[in-house]
Amino acid sequence: MKMGSFKDIWNQYKGAIIGIIIAILILITRLHDLILAIVILVLGAIVGNYIQQNKEDVKARLKSFIDRM
């Protein structure tokens, strides 16, 4: 079985290699804490906006969920 050249491997797996390098840098610099905080803030804003825009629907779903319990 012949091993491919570095160029062949790079062309086939460059997305995965770049992803691994970025993940290693994020873990080393502890940026994952900041990224997680930003993701939680954005998700909170999206959920809050959805609830504000769909108050009646959310109330009805919440009431039916509570009634089932």
C-alpha atoms as a PDB file:
ATOM      1  CA  MET A   1       0.000   0.000   0.000  1.00  0.00           C
ATOM      2  CA  LYS A   2       1.563   3.270  -1.122  1.00  0.00           C
ATOM      3  CA  MET A   3       1.490   6.334   1.126  1.00  0.00           C
ATOM      4  CA  GLY A   4       0.389   9.464  -0.689  1.00  0.00           C
ATOM      5  CA  SER A   5       2.611  12.465  -0.907  1.00  0.00           C
ATOM      6  CA  PHE A   6       2.171  15.329   1.530  1.00  0.00           C
ATOM      7  CA  LYS A   7       0.487  17.374  -1.203  1.00  0.00           C
ATOM      8  CA  ASP A   8      -2.120  14.646  -1.809  1.00  0.00           C
ATOM      9  CA  ILE A   9      -2.802  14.315   1.906  1.00  0.00           C
ATOM     10  CA  TRP A  10      -3.026  18.108   2.261  1.00  0.00           C
ATOM     11  CA  ASN A  11      -5.461  18.422  -0.640  1.00  0.00           C
ATOM     12  CA  GLN A  12      -7.694  15.678   0.717  1.00  0.00           C
ATOM     13  CA  TYR A  13      -7.669  16.634   4.410  1.00  0.00           C
ATOM     14  CA  LYS A  14      -6.811  20.355   4.518  1.00  0.00           C
ATOM     15  CA  GLY A  15     -10.146  21.299   6.111  1.00  0.00           C
ATOM     16  CA  ALA A  16      -9.650  18.809   8.931  1.00  0.00           C
ATOM     17  CA  ILE A  17      -5.998  19.806   9.418  1.00  0.00           C
ATOM     18  CA  ILE A  18      -6.856  23.516   9.595  1.00  0.00           C
ATOM     19  CA  GLY A  19      -9.734  22.747  11.983  1.00  0.00           C
ATOM     20  CA  ILE A  20      -7.437  20.776  14.287  1.00  0.00           C
ATOM     21  CA  ILE A  21      -4.835  23.554  14.304  1.00  0.00           C
ATOM     22  CA  ILE A  22      -7.494  26.185  15.121  1.00  0.00           C
ATOM     23  CA  ALA A  23      -8.952  23.962  17.868  1.00  0.00           C
ATOM     24  CA  ILE A  24      -5.491  23.490  19.407  1.00  0.00           C
ATOM     25  CA  LEU A  25      -4.871  27.252  19.358  1.00  0.00           C
ATOM     26  CA  ILE A  26      -8.263  27.933  20.966  1.00  0.00           C
ATOM     27  CA  LEU A  27      -7.572  25.403  23.719  1.00  0.00           C
ATOM     28  CA  ILE A  28      -4.038  26.675  24.348  1.00  0.00           C
ATOM     29  CA  THR A  29      -5.103  30.330  24.574  1.00  0.00           C
ATOM     30  CA  ARG A  30      -8.261  29.467  26.601  1.00  0.00           C
ATOM     31  CA  LEU A  31     -10.403  31.342  24.083  1.00  0.00           C
ATOM     32  CA  HIS A  32     -13.022  28.614  24.399  1.00  0.00           C
ATOM     33  CA  ASP A  33     -14.281  30.264  27.593  1.00  0.00           C
ATOM     34  CA  LEU A  34     -14.861  33.521  25.720  1.00  0.00           C
ATOM     35  CA  ILE A  35     -16.401  31.758  22.726  1.00  0.00           C
ATOM     36  CA  LEU A  36     -18.756  29.804  25.008  1.00  0.00           C
ATOM     37  CA  ALA A  37     -19.800  33.006  26.782  1.00  0.00           C
ATOM     38  CA  ILE A  38     -20.505  34.731  23.453  1.00  0.00           C
ATOM     39  CA  VAL A  39     -22.527  31.746  22.206  1.00  0.00           C
ATOM     40  CA  ILE A  40     -24.596  31.717  25.413  1.00  0.00           C
ATOM     41  CA  LEU A  41     -25.230  35.465  25.109  1.00  0.00           C
ATOM     42  CA  VAL A  42     -26.314  35.164  21.473  1.00  0.00           C
ATOM     43  CA  LEU A  43     -28.589  32.189  22.232  1.00  0.00           C
ATOM     44  CA  GLY A  44     -30.125  34.091  25.130  1.00  0.00           C
ATOM     45  CA  ALA A  45     -30.809  37.073  22.879  1.00  0.00           C
ATOM     46  CA  ILE A  46     -32.366  34.856  20.200  1.00  0.00           C
ATOM     47  CA  VAL A  47     -34.595  33.025  22.703  1.00  0.00           C
ATOM     48  CA  GLY A  48     -35.624  36.291  24.352  1.00  0.00           C
ATOM     49  CA  ASN A  49     -36.480  37.845  21.014  1.00  0.00           C
ATOM     50  CA  TYR A  50     -38.477  34.775  19.963  1.00  0.00           C
ATOM     51  CA  ILE A  51     -40.456  34.821  23.207  1.00  0.00           C
ATOM     52  CA  GLN A  52     -41.122  38.543  22.847  1.00  0.00           C
ATOM     53  CA  GLN A  53     -42.320  38.157  19.245  1.00  0.00           C
ATOM     54  CA  ASN A  54     -44.478  35.073  19.974  1.00  0.00           C
ATOM     55  CA  LYS A  55     -45.861  35.713  23.469  1.00  0.00           C
ATOM     56  CA  GLU A  56     -49.235  34.069  22.982  1.00  0.00           C
ATOM     57  CA  ASP A  57     -47.829  30.962  21.308  1.00  0.00           C
ATOM     58  CA  VAL A  58     -45.204  30.549  24.037  1.00  0.00           C
ATOM     59  CA  LYS A  59     -47.846  30.977  26.749  1.00  0.00           C
ATOM     60  CA  ALA A  60     -50.059  28.327  25.154  1.00  0.00           C
ATOM     61  CA  ARG A  61     -47.171  25.851  24.751  1.00  0.00           C
ATOM     62  CA  LEU A  62     -45.947  26.451  28.296  1.00  0.00           C
ATOM     63  CA  LYS A  63     -49.474  25.994  29.689  1.00  0.00           C
ATOM     64  CA  SER A  64     -49.953  22.714  27.782  1.00  0.00           C
ATOM     65  CA  PHE A  65     -46.532  21.503  28.954  1.00  0.00           C
ATOM     66  CA  ILE A  66     -47.373  22.300  32.580  1.00  0.00           C
ATOM     67  CA  ASP A  67     -50.791  20.655  32.263  1.00  0.00           C
ATOM     68  CA  ARG A  68     -49.175  17.436  31.024  1.00  0.00           C
ATOM     69  CA  MET A  69     -46.971  17.298  34.116  1.00  0.00           C
END
